[in-house]
């Protein structure tokens, strides 16, 4: 076909391909995307974990929260500081905020910066179209951030 030896049809489509951070070609291939900025230094836990076991991981991370993930790294929820400081025997599934908002890997950094500024947020969660956690992007790492003191 047109001189190509192997041709593939990616059925989910171009939007899915880009949202997964897969390689691209063309005029915009070199543009930076938030998937490249995603940090993997966020504390994670599973549904059955106790807050007393999760709290030390959050204290060692640069964030005041933990993310609840399934065995396949699918993002299920967020544990905020208030619940982490509560009853140490409570399990993540009892106290998590389910379904936190995420962005895809192909989001433009300036677009995410504007979104975070509008909502007065310091971080955004990045996931694949299947909901697997990629990481966290900090507002300080995006265009237009105030330089660190």
Protein backbone atom coordinates (compact mmCIF):
# COMPACT_ATOMS: atom_id res chain seq x y z
CA UNK A 1 0.00 0.00 0.00
CA UNK A 2 1.65 3.22 -1.23
CA UNK A 3 5.07 1.58 -0.89
CA UNK A 4 4.67 0.73 2.81
CA UNK A 5 5.39 -2.85 3.82
CA UNK A 6 3.33 -2.76 7.02
CA UNK A 7 0.20 -0.70 7.52
CA UNK A 8 -1.84 -0.64 10.73
CA UNK A 9 -5.27 0.75 11.48
CA UNK A 10 -5.48 2.09 15.05
CA UNK A 11 -9.18 1.59 15.65
CA UNK A 12 -9.64 3.83 18.73
CA UNK A 13 -8.56 6.81 16.59
CA UNK A 14 -6.18 9.73 16.62
CA UNK A 15 -7.57 11.37 19.77
CA UNK A 16 -7.00 8.18 21.75
CA UNK A 17 -3.49 7.80 20.32
CA UNK A 18 -2.57 11.33 21.39
CA UNK A 19 -4.20 10.99 24.82
CA UNK A 20 -1.99 7.95 25.48
CA UNK A 21 1.13 9.97 24.72
CA UNK A 22 2.12 7.72 21.83
CA UNK A 23 4.68 8.95 19.26
CA UNK A 24 3.55 11.44 16.65
CA UNK A 25 4.83 12.92 13.42
CA UNK A 26 4.16 16.13 11.58
CA UNK A 27 4.25 19.87 12.25
CA UNK A 28 3.16 19.59 15.91
CA UNK A 29 5.16 16.49 16.85
CA UNK A 30 7.73 18.49 18.80
CA UNK A 31 5.22 20.40 20.93
CA UNK A 32 5.50 19.75 24.64
CA UNK A 33 2.57 18.03 26.37
CA UNK A 34 1.73 17.54 30.05
CA UNK A 35 2.42 13.81 29.84
CA UNK A 36 6.11 14.71 29.62
CA UNK A 37 5.83 16.80 32.80
CA UNK A 38 3.94 14.24 34.88
CA UNK A 39 5.77 13.30 38.07
CA UNK A 40 5.47 9.86 39.64
CA UNK A 41 6.30 10.99 43.18
CA UNK A 42 2.74 10.94 44.51
CA UNK A 43 1.80 8.50 47.29
CA UNK A 44 -0.56 5.76 46.17
CA UNK A 45 -2.48 3.05 47.99
CA UNK A 46 -5.08 0.36 47.40
CA UNK A 47 -8.70 0.28 48.54
CA UNK A 48 -8.08 -1.99 51.53
CA UNK A 49 -5.14 -0.04 53.00
CA UNK A 50 -5.46 1.61 56.41
CA UNK A 51 -4.92 5.35 56.82
CA UNK A 52 -2.29 4.65 59.47
CA UNK A 53 -0.24 2.82 56.82
CA UNK A 54 -0.80 5.42 54.09
CA UNK A 55 -0.07 8.52 56.19
CA UNK A 56 3.76 8.03 56.35
CA UNK A 57 3.94 7.74 52.55
CA UNK A 58 2.05 11.02 52.14
CA UNK A 59 4.28 12.72 54.71
CA UNK A 60 7.31 11.62 52.66
CA UNK A 61 5.82 12.95 49.40
CA UNK A 62 5.69 16.57 48.21
CA UNK A 63 1.87 16.48 48.19
CA UNK A 64 -0.71 16.57 50.95
CA UNK A 65 -2.77 13.74 49.49
CA UNK A 66 -2.63 10.13 48.32
CA UNK A 67 -4.24 8.53 45.30
CA UNK A 68 -6.16 5.28 45.50
CA UNK A 69 -5.43 2.94 42.60
CA UNK A 70 -6.52 -0.54 41.53
CA UNK A 71 -3.98 -3.29 40.86
CA UNK A 72 -3.84 -2.14 37.23
CA UNK A 73 -2.99 1.45 38.36
CA UNK A 74 -6.47 2.66 37.40
CA UNK A 75 -7.15 5.77 39.45
CA UNK A 76 -10.10 5.22 41.78
CA UNK A 77 -9.98 8.13 44.21
CA UNK A 78 -8.11 10.68 46.29
CA UNK A 79 -7.37 10.77 50.01
CA UNK A 80 -7.13 14.32 51.33
CA UNK A 81 -5.13 15.38 54.38
CA UNK A 82 -8.23 15.50 56.62
CA UNK A 83 -8.97 11.78 56.26
CA UNK A 84 -5.30 10.85 56.55
CA UNK A 85 -5.16 12.66 59.90
CA UNK A 86 -8.31 10.91 61.11
CA UNK A 87 -8.89 7.38 62.39
CA UNK A 88 -5.78 5.34 61.47
CA UNK A 89 -7.86 2.15 61.14
CA UNK A 90 -10.20 3.50 58.45
CA UNK A 91 -9.64 1.97 55.04
CA UNK A 92 -9.12 3.94 51.84
CA UNK A 93 -12.36 2.67 50.32
CA UNK A 94 -14.32 4.15 53.25
CA UNK A 95 -12.91 7.67 53.11
CA UNK A 96 -11.70 8.38 49.58
CA UNK A 97 -13.20 10.93 47.22
CA UNK A 98 -14.08 8.75 44.22
CA UNK A 99 -13.29 9.64 40.62
CA UNK A 100 -10.98 12.65 40.83
CA UNK A 101 -10.75 14.88 37.78
CA UNK A 102 -7.88 14.12 35.41
CA UNK A 103 -6.32 15.40 32.21
CA UNK A 104 -4.87 13.41 29.33
CA UNK A 105 -1.22 13.21 28.37
CA UNK A 106 -1.69 15.30 25.22
CA UNK A 107 -3.02 18.37 27.05
CA UNK A 108 -1.03 21.50 26.19
CA UNK A 109 0.88 22.88 29.20
CA UNK A 110 -0.40 26.45 28.72
CA UNK A 111 -3.98 25.21 28.54
CA UNK A 112 -3.54 23.26 31.78
CA UNK A 113 -1.89 26.28 33.43
CA UNK A 114 -4.94 28.41 32.61
CA UNK A 115 -7.29 25.72 33.90
CA UNK A 116 -5.40 25.39 37.18
CA UNK A 117 -5.25 29.17 37.61
CA UNK A 118 -9.01 29.52 37.04
CA UNK A 119 -9.70 26.89 39.69
CA UNK A 120 -6.94 28.07 42.04
CA UNK A 121 -5.34 24.60 42.02
CA UNK A 122 -1.68 23.65 42.41
CA UNK A 123 -1.74 20.19 40.82
CA UNK A 124 -3.45 18.17 38.11
CA UNK A 125 -3.69 14.40 37.81
CA UNK A 126 -2.75 12.86 34.47
CA UNK A 127 -4.26 9.56 33.34
CA UNK A 128 -4.62 7.44 30.22
CA UNK A 129 -7.97 7.11 28.43
CA UNK A 130 -8.38 3.83 30.36
CA UNK A 131 -8.02 5.71 33.64
CA UNK A 132 -4.53 4.48 34.54
CA UNK A 133 -2.56 6.98 36.60
CA UNK A 134 0.36 8.56 34.73
CA UNK A 135 1.34 11.06 37.41
CA UNK A 136 0.90 14.55 38.81
CA UNK A 137 1.70 17.86 37.13
CA UNK A 138 2.46 20.79 39.40
CA UNK A 139 1.36 24.31 38.46
CA UNK A 140 4.92 25.44 39.30
CA UNK A 141 6.21 23.30 36.40
CA UNK A 142 3.92 24.90 33.81
CA UNK A 143 4.34 28.08 31.73
CA UNK A 144 3.77 31.35 33.52
CA UNK A 145 4.50 29.97 36.98
CA UNK A 146 6.02 32.34 39.48
CA UNK A 147 9.71 31.58 39.97
CA UNK A 148 10.56 29.89 43.25
CA UNK A 149 11.78 32.29 45.95
